[in-house]
PDB file of N, CA and C in Angstrom:
ATOM      1  N   UNK A   1      29.871  11.023 -98.170  1.00  0.00           N
ATOM      2  CA  UNK A   1      28.608  10.630 -98.205  1.00  0.00           C
ATOM      3  C   UNK A   1      27.990  10.727 -99.772  1.00  0.00           C
ATOM      4  N   UNK A   2      28.736  11.911-100.611  1.00  0.00           N
ATOM      5  CA  UNK A   2      28.567  11.515-101.813  1.00  0.00           C
ATOM      6  C   UNK A   2      28.623  10.529-102.638  1.00  0.00           C
ATOM      7  N   UNK A   3      30.217   9.933-102.028  1.00  0.00           N
ATOM      8  CA  UNK A   3      30.374   8.623-102.870  1.00  0.00           C
ATOM      9  C   UNK A   3      29.497   7.280-102.508  1.00  0.00           C
ATOM     10  N   UNK A   4      28.704   7.312-101.390  1.00  0.00           N
ATOM     11  CA  UNK A   4      28.035   6.585-101.182  1.00  0.00           C
ATOM     12  C   UNK A   4      26.842   6.569-101.757  1.00  0.00           C
ATOM     13  N   UNK A   5      26.097   7.861-101.958  1.00  0.00           N
ATOM     14  CA  UNK A   5      25.076   7.742-103.005  1.00  0.00           C
ATOM     15  C   UNK A   5      25.334   7.345-104.196  1.00  0.00           C
ATOM     16  N   UNK A   6      26.431   7.576-104.669  1.00  0.00           N
ATOM     17  CA  UNK A   6      26.555   7.454-106.128  1.00  0.00           C
ATOM     18  C   UNK A   6      26.678   5.991-106.178  1.00  0.00           C
ATOM     19  N   UNK A   7      27.501   5.294-105.235  1.00  0.00           N
ATOM     20  CA  UNK A   7      27.492   3.853-105.446  1.00  0.00           C
ATOM     21  C   UNK A   7      25.908   2.953-105.390  1.00  0.00           C
ATOM     22  N   UNK A   8      25.172   3.926-104.857  1.00  0.00           N
ATOM     23  CA  UNK A   8      23.646   3.318-104.247  1.00  0.00           C
ATOM     24  C   UNK A   8      23.111   3.761-105.761  1.00  0.00           C
ATOM     25  N   UNK A   9      23.422   4.432-106.995  1.00  0.00           N
ATOM     26  CA  UNK A   9      23.013   4.581-107.939  1.00  0.00           C
ATOM     27  C   UNK A   9      21.557   5.999-107.953  1.00  0.00           C
ATOM     28  N   UNK A  10      22.268   6.918-107.120  1.00  0.00           N
ATOM     29  CA  UNK A  10      21.605   7.934-107.263  1.00  0.00           C
ATOM     30  C   UNK A  10      22.163   9.009-108.117  1.00  0.00           C
ATOM     31  N   UNK A  11      21.624   9.850-108.884  1.00  0.00           N
ATOM     32  CA  UNK A  11      22.481  11.031-109.666  1.00  0.00           C
ATOM     33  C   UNK A  11      22.191  12.358-109.290  1.00  0.00           C
ATOM     34  N   UNK A  12      23.453  12.790-109.660  1.00  0.00           N
ATOM     35  CA  UNK A  12      23.742  14.100-109.003  1.00  0.00           C
ATOM     36  C   UNK A  12      22.501  15.288-108.910  1.00  0.00           C
ATOM     37  N   UNK A  13      21.463  15.063-109.422  1.00  0.00           N
ATOM     38  CA  UNK A  13      20.330  15.945-109.170  1.00  0.00           C
ATOM     39  C   UNK A  13      19.893  15.407-107.599  1.00  0.00           C
ATOM     40  N   UNK A  14      19.844  13.887-107.758  1.00  0.00           N
ATOM     41  CA  UNK A  14      19.157  13.557-106.600  1.00  0.00           C
ATOM     42  C   UNK A  14      19.629  13.785-105.469  1.00  0.00           C
ATOM     43  N   UNK A  15      20.991  13.060-105.749  1.00  0.00           N
ATOM     44  CA  UNK A  15      22.042  13.570-104.313  1.00  0.00           C
ATOM     45  C   UNK A  15      21.822  15.098-103.711  1.00  0.00           C
ATOM     46  N   UNK A  16      21.841  16.072-104.892  1.00  0.00           N
ATOM     47  CA  UNK A  16      21.616  17.469-104.254  1.00  0.00           C
ATOM     48  C   UNK A  16      20.247  17.712-103.384  1.00  0.00           C
ATOM     49  N   UNK A  17      19.433  16.856-104.699  1.00  0.00           N
ATOM     50  CA  UNK A  17      17.923  17.438-103.500  1.00  0.00           C
ATOM     51  C   UNK A  17      17.905  16.860-102.256  1.00  0.00           C
ATOM     52  N   UNK A  18      18.661  15.490-101.990  1.00  0.00           N
ATOM     53  CA  UNK A  18      18.525  14.940-100.747  1.00  0.00           C
ATOM     54  C   UNK A  18      18.977  15.300 -99.585  1.00  0.00           C
ATOM     55  N   UNK A  19      20.468  15.304 -99.947  1.00  0.00           N
ATOM     56  CA  UNK A  19      21.574  15.790 -99.149  1.00  0.00           C
ATOM     57  C   UNK A  19      22.680  16.746 -99.350  1.00  0.00           C
ATOM     58  N   UNK A  20      22.011  17.821-100.582  1.00  0.00           N
ATOM     59  CA  UNK A  20      22.770  18.974-100.848  1.00  0.00           C
ATOM     60  C   UNK A  20      23.113  19.536 -99.481  1.00  0.00           C
ATOM     61  N   UNK A  21      22.185  19.856 -98.831  1.00  0.00           N
ATOM     62  CA  UNK A  21      22.464  21.410 -97.220  1.00  0.00           C
ATOM     63  C   UNK A  21      23.522  20.132 -96.492  1.00  0.00           C
ATOM     64  N   UNK A  22      23.558  19.226 -96.608  1.00  0.00           N
ATOM     65  CA  UNK A  22      24.455  18.612 -95.747  1.00  0.00           C
ATOM     66  C   UNK A  22      26.494  18.575 -96.284  1.00  0.00           C
ATOM     67  N   UNK A  23      25.992  18.789 -97.513  1.00  0.00           N
ATOM     68  CA  UNK A  23      27.426  18.999 -98.259  1.00  0.00           C
ATOM     69  C   UNK A  23      27.906  19.921 -98.133  1.00  0.00           C
ATOM     70  N   UNK A  24      27.012  20.822 -98.189  1.00  0.00           N
ATOM     71  CA  UNK A  24      27.511  22.261 -98.233  1.00  0.00           C
ATOM     72  C   UNK A  24      27.811  22.722 -97.032  1.00  0.00           C
ATOM     73  N   UNK A  25      27.202  21.930 -96.366  1.00  0.00           N
ATOM     74  CA  UNK A  25      27.514  22.531 -94.380  1.00  0.00           C
ATOM     75  C   UNK A  25      28.805  22.079 -94.230  1.00  0.00           C
ATOM     76  N   UNK A  26      29.387  20.712 -94.817  1.00  0.00           N
ATOM     77  CA  UNK A  26      30.581  20.384 -94.546  1.00  0.00           C
ATOM     78  C   UNK A  26      31.482  20.575 -95.343  1.00  0.00           C
ATOM     79  N   UNK A  27      31.462  21.360 -96.632  1.00  0.00           N
ATOM     80  CA  UNK A  27      32.472  22.012 -97.446  1.00  0.00           C
ATOM     81  C   UNK A  27      32.864  23.335 -96.369  1.00  0.00           C
ATOM     82  N   UNK A  28      32.120  23.556 -95.244  1.00  0.00           N
ATOM     83  CA  UNK A  28      32.968  24.512 -94.966  1.00  0.00           C
ATOM     84  C   UNK A  28      33.707  24.074 -93.518  1.00  0.00           C
ATOM     85  N   UNK A  29      33.916  22.660 -93.429  1.00  0.00           N
ATOM     86  CA  UNK A  29      34.469  21.938 -92.337  1.00  0.00           C
ATOM     87  C   UNK A  29      33.844  21.289 -91.451  1.00  0.00           C
ATOM     88  N   UNK A  30      34.159  20.519 -90.579  1.00  0.00           N
ATOM     89  CA  UNK A  30      33.598  19.382 -89.756  1.00  0.00           C
ATOM     90  C   UNK A  30      33.114  20.224 -88.699  1.00  0.00           C
ATOM     91  N   UNK A  31      31.954  19.929 -88.107  1.00  0.00           N
ATOM     92  CA  UNK A  31      31.217  19.974 -86.560  1.00  0.00           C
ATOM     93  C   UNK A  31      32.408  20.385 -85.650  1.00  0.00           C
ATOM     94  N   UNK A  32      32.631  21.330 -84.769  1.00  0.00           N
ATOM     95  CA  UNK A  32      33.689  20.957 -83.632  1.00  0.00           C
ATOM     96  C   UNK A  32      33.379  20.176 -82.748  1.00  0.00           C
ATOM     97  N   UNK A  33      32.440  19.053 -82.712  1.00  0.00           N
ATOM     98  CA  UNK A  33      32.069  18.531 -81.642  1.00  0.00           C
ATOM     99  C   UNK A  33      32.843  17.191 -82.523  1.00  0.00           C
ATOM    100  N   UNK A  34      33.024  16.979 -83.711  1.00  0.00           N
ATOM    101  CA  UNK A  34      33.420  15.711 -84.211  1.00  0.00           C
ATOM    102  C   UNK A  34      32.386  14.807 -84.693  1.00  0.00           C
ATOM    103  N   UNK A  35      30.764  15.178 -84.674  1.00  0.00           N
ATOM    104  CA  UNK A  35      30.333  14.282 -84.819  1.00  0.00           C
ATOM    105  C   UNK A  35      29.703  13.585 -83.312  1.00  0.00           C
ATOM    106  N   UNK A  36      30.219  14.032 -82.177  1.00  0.00           N
ATOM    107  CA  UNK A  36      29.334  13.182 -80.901  1.00  0.00           C
ATOM    108  C   UNK A  36      29.232  14.715 -80.215  1.00  0.00           C
ATOM    109  N   UNK A  37      27.903  14.766 -80.298  1.00  0.00           N
ATOM    110  CA  UNK A  37      27.152  15.868 -80.216  1.00  0.00           C
ATOM    111  C   UNK A  37      26.835  15.648 -78.559  1.00  0.00           C
ATOM    112  N   UNK A  38      26.383  16.493 -77.593  1.00  0.00           N
ATOM    113  CA  UNK A  38      25.855  16.010 -76.435  1.00  0.00           C
ATOM    114  C   UNK A  38      24.513  15.256 -76.299  1.00  0.00           C
ATOM    115  N   UNK A  39      23.624  15.439 -77.270  1.00  0.00           N
ATOM    116  CA  UNK A  39      22.368  14.745 -77.565  1.00  0.00           C
ATOM    117  C   UNK A  39      21.607  15.703 -76.265  1.00  0.00           C
ATOM    118  N   UNK A  40      21.463  16.882 -76.373  1.00  0.00           N
ATOM    119  CA  UNK A  40      20.694  17.695 -75.269  1.00  0.00           C
ATOM    120  C   UNK A  40      19.027  17.302 -75.600  1.00  0.00           C
ATOM    121  N   UNK A  41      18.952  17.279 -76.552  1.00  0.00           N
ATOM    122  CA  UNK A  41      17.242  16.869 -77.091  1.00  0.00           C
ATOM    123  C   UNK A  41      17.115  15.627 -76.216  1.00  0.00           C
ATOM    124  N   UNK A  42      17.850  14.553 -76.599  1.00  0.00           N
ATOM    125  CA  UNK A  42      17.441  13.263 -75.627  1.00  0.00           C
ATOM    126  C   UNK A  42      17.761  13.439 -74.013  1.00  0.00           C
ATOM    127  N   UNK A  43      18.800  13.991 -74.017  1.00  0.00           N
ATOM    128  CA  UNK A  43      18.659  14.002 -72.190  1.00  0.00           C
ATOM    129  C   UNK A  43      17.336  15.112 -71.609  1.00  0.00           C
ATOM    130  N   UNK A  44      17.202  15.695 -72.716  1.00  0.00           N
ATOM    131  CA  UNK A  44      15.418  16.515 -71.826  1.00  0.00           C
ATOM    132  C   UNK A  44      14.491  15.665 -72.326  1.00  0.00           C
ATOM    133  N   UNK A  45      14.328  14.792 -72.774  1.00  0.00           N
ATOM    134  CA  UNK A  45      13.541  13.664 -72.927  1.00  0.00           C
ATOM    135  C   UNK A  45      13.402  13.024 -72.051  1.00  0.00           C
ATOM    136  N   UNK A  46      14.524  12.315 -71.654  1.00  0.00           N
ATOM    137  CA  UNK A  46      14.822  11.389 -70.484  1.00  0.00           C
ATOM    138  C   UNK A  46      14.231  12.221 -69.168  1.00  0.00           C
ATOM    139  N   UNK A  47      14.830  13.218 -69.132  1.00  0.00           N
ATOM    140  CA  UNK A  47      14.898  14.064 -67.727  1.00  0.00           C
ATOM    141  C   UNK A  47      13.169  14.587 -67.650  1.00  0.00           C
ATOM    142  N   UNK A  48      12.698  14.984 -69.023  1.00  0.00           N
ATOM    143  CA  UNK A  48      11.112  15.313 -68.297  1.00  0.00           C
ATOM    144  C   UNK A  48      10.292  13.633 -68.641  1.00  0.00           C
ATOM    145  N   UNK A  49      10.861  12.564 -68.314  1.00  0.00           N
ATOM    146  CA  UNK A  49       9.971  11.379 -68.737  1.00  0.00           C
ATOM    147  C   UNK A  49       9.192  11.338 -69.937  1.00  0.00           C
ATOM    148  N   UNK A  50       9.594  11.965 -71.320  1.00  0.00           N
ATOM    149  CA  UNK A  50       8.602  11.880 -72.705  1.00  0.00           C
ATOM    150  C   UNK A  50       9.063  10.390 -72.833  1.00  0.00           C
ATOM    151  N   UNK A  51       8.088  10.129 -73.825  1.00  0.00           N
ATOM    152  CA  UNK A  51       8.457   8.783 -74.389  1.00  0.00           C
ATOM    153  C   UNK A  51       9.016   8.947 -75.811  1.00  0.00           C
ATOM    154  N   UNK A  52       8.808  10.051 -76.387  1.00  0.00           N
ATOM    155  CA  UNK A  52       9.488  10.690 -77.649  1.00  0.00           C
ATOM    156  C   UNK A  52      10.614  11.486 -77.423  1.00  0.00           C
ATOM    157  N   UNK A  53      11.624  11.578 -78.316  1.00  0.00           N
ATOM    158  CA  UNK A  53      12.611  12.403 -78.571  1.00  0.00           C
ATOM    159  C   UNK A  53      11.825  13.982 -78.945  1.00  0.00           C
ATOM    160  N   UNK A  54      10.723  13.674 -79.926  1.00  0.00           N
ATOM    161  CA  UNK A  54      10.389  14.591 -81.043  1.00  0.00           C
ATOM    162  C   UNK A  54       9.576  15.693 -80.170  1.00  0.00           C
ATOM    163  N   UNK A  55       9.201  15.404 -78.849  1.00  0.00           N
ATOM    164  CA  UNK A  55       8.723  15.961 -77.897  1.00  0.00           C
ATOM    165  C   UNK A  55       9.441  17.495 -77.307  1.00  0.00           C
ATOM    166  N   UNK A  56      10.403  16.958 -77.045  1.00  0.00           N
ATOM    167  CA  UNK A  56      11.861  18.198 -76.908  1.00  0.00           C
ATOM    168  C   UNK A  56      12.319  18.578 -77.848  1.00  0.00           C
ATOM    169  N   UNK A  57      12.311  18.227 -78.978  1.00  0.00           N
ATOM    170  CA  UNK A  57      12.952  18.965 -80.099  1.00  0.00           C
ATOM    171  C   UNK A  57      12.400  20.232 -80.451  1.00  0.00           C
ATOM    172  N   UNK A  58      12.938  21.051 -81.064  1.00  0.00           N
ATOM    173  CA  UNK A  58      12.326  22.310 -81.339  1.00  0.00           C
ATOM    174  C   UNK A  58      12.040  22.086 -82.814  1.00  0.00           C
ATOM    175  N   UNK A  59      12.252  21.403 -83.984  1.00  0.00           N
ATOM    176  CA  UNK A  59      11.778  21.390 -85.119  1.00  0.00           C
ATOM    177  C   UNK A  59      11.598  19.689 -85.152  1.00  0.00           C
ATOM    178  N   UNK A  60      11.173  18.900 -84.759  1.00  0.00           N
ATOM    179  CA  UNK A  60      11.187  17.648 -85.387  1.00  0.00           C
ATOM    180  C   UNK A  60      10.768  17.219 -86.761  1.00  0.00           C
ATOM    181  N   UNK A  61      11.351  16.502 -87.101  1.00  0.00           N
ATOM    182  CA  UNK A  61      11.150  15.728 -88.593  1.00  0.00           C
ATOM    183  C   UNK A  61      10.056  14.969 -88.510  1.00  0.00           C
ATOM    184  N   UNK A  62       9.387  15.047 -89.792  1.00  0.00           N
ATOM    185  CA  UNK A  62       8.331  14.405 -90.151  1.00  0.00           C
ATOM    186  C   UNK A  62       9.061  12.741 -90.682  1.00  0.00           C
ATOM    187  N   UNK A  63       8.018  12.134 -90.865  1.00  0.00           N
ATOM    188  CA  UNK A  63       8.806  10.870 -91.547  1.00  0.00           C
ATOM    189  C   UNK A  63       9.171  10.965 -93.117  1.00  0.00           C
ATOM    190  N   UNK A  64       8.881  11.870 -93.553  1.00  0.00           N
ATOM    191  CA  UNK A  64       9.640  12.058 -94.961  1.00  0.00           C
ATOM    192  C   UNK A  64      10.855  13.278 -95.279  1.00  0.00           C
ATOM    193  N   UNK A  65      11.156  13.426 -93.444  1.00  0.00           N
ATOM    194  CA  UNK A  65      12.305  14.159 -93.469  1.00  0.00           C
ATOM    195  C   UNK A  65      12.383  15.712 -93.794  1.00  0.00           C
ATOM    196  N   UNK A  66      10.984  16.103 -93.298  1.00  0.00           N
ATOM    197  CA  UNK A  66      10.776  17.976 -93.728  1.00  0.00           C
ATOM    198  C   UNK A  66      10.689  18.080 -92.068  1.00  0.00           C
ATOM    199  N   UNK A  67      10.618  19.401 -91.922  1.00  0.00           N
ATOM    200  CA  UNK A  67      10.338  19.918 -90.565  1.00  0.00           C
ATOM    201  C   UNK A  67       9.266  21.323 -90.695  1.00  0.00           C
ATOM    202  N   UNK A  68       8.672  21.577 -89.881  1.00  0.00           N
ATOM    203  CA  UNK A  68       7.594  22.865 -90.176  1.00  0.00           C
ATOM    204  C   UNK A  68       8.149  23.907 -90.653  1.00  0.00           C
ATOM    205  N   UNK A  69       9.604  24.409 -90.597  1.00  0.00           N
ATOM    206  CA  UNK A  69      10.103  25.815 -91.004  1.00  0.00           C
ATOM    207  C   UNK A  69      10.701  25.669 -92.270  1.00  0.00           C
ATOM    208  N   UNK A  70      11.117  24.304 -93.066  1.00  0.00           N
ATOM    209  CA  UNK A  70      11.809  24.259 -94.155  1.00  0.00           C
ATOM    210  C   UNK A  70      11.384  25.204 -95.106  1.00  0.00           C
ATOM    211  N   UNK A  71      10.219  25.326 -95.572  1.00  0.00           N
ATOM    212  CA  UNK A  71       9.920  26.487 -96.396  1.00  0.00           C
ATOM    213  C   UNK A  71       9.122  27.505 -95.801  1.00  0.00           C
ATOM    214  N   UNK A  72       9.680  28.295 -94.398  1.00  0.00           N
ATOM    215  CA  UNK A  72       9.383  29.317 -94.440  1.00  0.00           C
ATOM    216  C   UNK A  72      10.387  30.423 -94.811  1.00  0.00           C
ATOM    217  N   UNK A  73      10.129  31.689 -94.812  1.00  0.00           N
ATOM    218  CA  UNK A  73       8.390  31.873 -94.957  1.00  0.00           C
ATOM    219  C   UNK A  73       7.989  31.804 -95.948  1.00  0.00           C
ATOM    220  N   UNK A  74       6.782  31.569 -95.708  1.00  0.00           N
ATOM    221  CA  UNK A  74       5.705  31.543 -96.840  1.00  0.00           C
ATOM    222  C   UNK A  74       4.668  32.381 -96.757  1.00  0.00           C
ATOM    223  N   UNK A  75       4.041  32.588 -97.950  1.00  0.00           N
ATOM    224  CA  UNK A  75       2.983  33.495 -98.112  1.00  0.00           C
ATOM    225  C   UNK A  75       1.672  33.094 -97.200  1.00  0.00           C
ATOM    226  N   UNK A  76       1.119  33.743 -96.777  1.00  0.00           N
ATOM    227  CA  UNK A  76      -0.352  33.401 -96.199  1.00  0.00           C
ATOM    228  C   UNK A  76      -1.540  33.880 -96.789  1.00  0.00           C
ATOM    229  N   UNK A  77      -2.297  33.299 -96.555  1.00  0.00           N
ATOM    230  CA  UNK A  77      -3.592  33.266 -97.343  1.00  0.00           C
ATOM    231  C   UNK A  77      -4.317  34.268 -96.447  1.00  0.00           C
ATOM    232  N   UNK A  78      -5.459  34.990 -97.131  1.00  0.00           N
ATOM    233  CA  UNK A  78      -6.412  36.057 -96.268  1.00  0.00           C
ATOM    234  C   UNK A  78      -7.467  35.127 -95.511  1.00  0.00           C
ATOM    235  N   UNK A  79      -7.704  33.946 -95.557  1.00  0.00           N
ATOM    236  CA  UNK A  79      -8.630  33.209 -94.876  1.00  0.00           C
ATOM    237  C   UNK A  79      -7.717  32.985 -93.896  1.00  0.00           C
ATOM    238  N   UNK A  80      -5.965  32.277 -93.760  1.00  0.00           N
ATOM    239  CA  UNK A  80      -5.266  32.525 -92.497  1.00  0.00           C
ATOM    240  C   UNK A  80      -5.269  33.318 -91.748  1.00  0.00           C
ATOM    241  N   UNK A  81      -4.817  34.614 -92.401  1.00  0.00           N
ATOM    242  CA  UNK A  81      -5.267  35.640 -91.266  1.00  0.00           C
ATOM    243  C   UNK A  81      -6.435  36.185 -90.466  1.00  0.00           C
ATOM    244  N   UNK A  82      -7.417  35.868 -91.456  1.00  0.00           N
ATOM    245  CA  UNK A  82      -8.946  35.972 -90.595  1.00  0.00           C
ATOM    246  C   UNK A  82      -8.981  34.965 -89.201  1.00  0.00           C
ATOM    247  N   UNK A  83      -8.878  33.937 -89.638  1.00  0.00           N
ATOM    248  CA  UNK A  83      -8.915  32.947 -88.549  1.00  0.00           C
ATOM    249  C   UNK A  83      -8.125  33.013 -87.622  1.00  0.00           C
ATOM    250  N   UNK A  84      -7.074  33.746 -87.662  1.00  0.00           N
ATOM    251  CA  UNK A  84      -5.789  34.233 -86.534  1.00  0.00           C
ATOM    252  C   UNK A  84      -6.195  35.536 -85.991  1.00  0.00           C
ATOM    253  N   UNK A  85      -6.962  36.146 -86.705  1.00  0.00           N
ATOM    254  CA  UNK A  85      -7.861  37.753 -86.480  1.00  0.00           C
ATOM    255  C   UNK A  85      -6.256  38.630 -86.662  1.00  0.00           C
ATOM    256  N   UNK A  86      -5.473  38.190 -87.671  1.00  0.00           N
ATOM    257  CA  UNK A  86      -4.426  39.137 -87.972  1.00  0.00           C
ATOM    258  C   UNK A  86      -4.430  40.072 -89.216  1.00  0.00           C
ATOM    259  N   UNK A  87      -3.799  41.090 -89.656  1.00  0.00           N
ATOM    260  CA  UNK A  87      -3.809  41.938 -90.460  1.00  0.00           C
ATOM    261  C   UNK A  87      -2.432  42.620 -90.587  1.00  0.00           C
ATOM    262  N   UNK A  88      -2.179  42.622 -91.813  1.00  0.00           N
ATOM    263  CA  UNK A  88      -1.003  42.856 -92.271  1.00  0.00           C
ATOM    264  C   UNK A  88      -1.291  44.237 -92.724  1.00  0.00           C
ATOM    265  N   UNK A  89      -0.261  45.322 -91.885  1.00  0.00           N
ATOM    266  CA  UNK A  89      -0.357  46.722 -92.253  1.00  0.00           C
ATOM    267  C   UNK A  89       1.071  47.216 -92.975  1.00  0.00           C
ATOM    268  N   UNK A  90       1.322  47.730 -94.201  1.00  0.00           N
ATOM    269  CA  UNK A  90       2.032  47.796 -95.190  1.00  0.00           C
ATOM    270  C   UNK A  90       2.836  49.193 -95.041  1.00  0.00           C
TER     271      UNK A  90
END
């Protein structure tokens, strides 16, 4: 993957920013399924009659390749706490 990105003209910093997490994961070895996973999300979408696989995924990615939990945990404003009727007790 890294060689492909280098051929496409990406810098080392750009490679780390876009696929660094995958390169780190593969440094520990290939996945036990060898890249041929069962696709349970897709199967669940088919069985439930959903038009989009995103409806059955725990953390679907946006068009920019981000998920809702990528920056978690994050600080919460007082306004957000008030809106949800929550209070932080230390």
